[in-house]
Amino acid sequence: MPTNVTVAYALAQERYQKAKTREEKIEALEEMIKEAPSHKGGENLRKQLKQRLAKLKRQKIAKAARKSVSIPKEGDAQICIIGMTNSGKSTLLSKLTNAKPKISDIPFTTTKPEIGTWDYGGVKIQIIEIPSTFKPSLMSIAKASDGVILLYRNENEREELEIILKNFRINNPTAGVMIGKNIEKVEREVWEMLGLIRVYCKEPGKKAVKKPLVLKRGSSVKDASKRLHKDFFEYFKFARVWGSSKYPGERVGLEYKLEDKDVLEIHMS
C-alpha cells in the first residue's frame, strides 16, 4: 500500500538526497518533518527524521586541512562564467545572483572564484566566476560544471575563449553572452543551455507547490513520478497536465512528454 506521502514531502526528500552541504540537509529535513504523513506510520517516520536532524545539528563543520579550489555543487545546477579580464564577469554575476563581488576597472581584480546563487523560477543555480588567469586548478571547476557562460566583447574574444576551452578539454554546453545584452535575454539563453525543465507538482484540489521538480528536457510523466517518490510510480493511475496539454487538466499517461513550466497532478490507485 502507498505510504500517502504528499508532493511537498517528496520534493523535500529529493532536496535532501541531492543536498551537498550540512545546511541544505537540515533545511530539507525540517521540511520533511513538517510534511510527513499524520498516520501512525507517519509518526514513526517523523521520529526517525527528528533523530537524523538532531544528529546533523550536533555535527561540527570540519575545518579544511589545506586550501582547495574545488567547489561542491549546490542547488539544481552549477554554471561557470569565463571571460577575459575586465570583460564584465563580476557585473554579470552580481546581476544574476545574490553575490556582491568586487567590481573594478583594474585588470585581474578577481583572484579567486566568486560564487552566487541564481533563482530562476524556483530553480537554484550556482554560478561561479572564474578568474581570468585561466589556471588549470581553476579551469577544473569549469570542466566539472553543468555549463559555461562565455562572456566576450567581440568575436575575436569569443574565438579566444573557445580555444581556451578546447585546450582544457572542456566540452560542456556553452552560452555566448556579449557585453551589454539584455539580462532577461541572458537568463533565457542560459536556461535553454542547461537543457532542463521546471514541473510544478500539485495534489488534487490544491494549488501547485512553488518549488518545481527539475527534470531534463524530454522527460516524461514516468520520469517525474519516479523522481517524486516510488509510490507515485508504483501506484500510478493517471495524471493531469496544465500547460503543454491540449486543454487544461488533460488526462495523460506515463509516457506523456512534459515541457517547461507544466503543472502536473498525479493520481494513484
Foldseek 3Di string as FASTA:
>chain_A
DDQPQFLQLLVLVLQLVVADDLVSNLVSLVSNLVRFDPDPVSVVVNVVSVVVNVVSVPDDDDDDPDDAQADDFGFDFEEEEAFAWPLCLQVLQVVQFVWDDDDDNDTQPPDHKTWGWGQDQQGTYIYIYQTNVLDLRRVVNNLPGQEYEYEYADPVRVVVVVVSCVVSVRPHQYDYDYPPPDSVVVVVRVVVSSQKAWEFEDEPPDDTDSRTDIGGQFAWQLVVQVSSDVQLNVFFDWKFKADPDPDHRDIHHRNHTDHHPMYMYTDGD
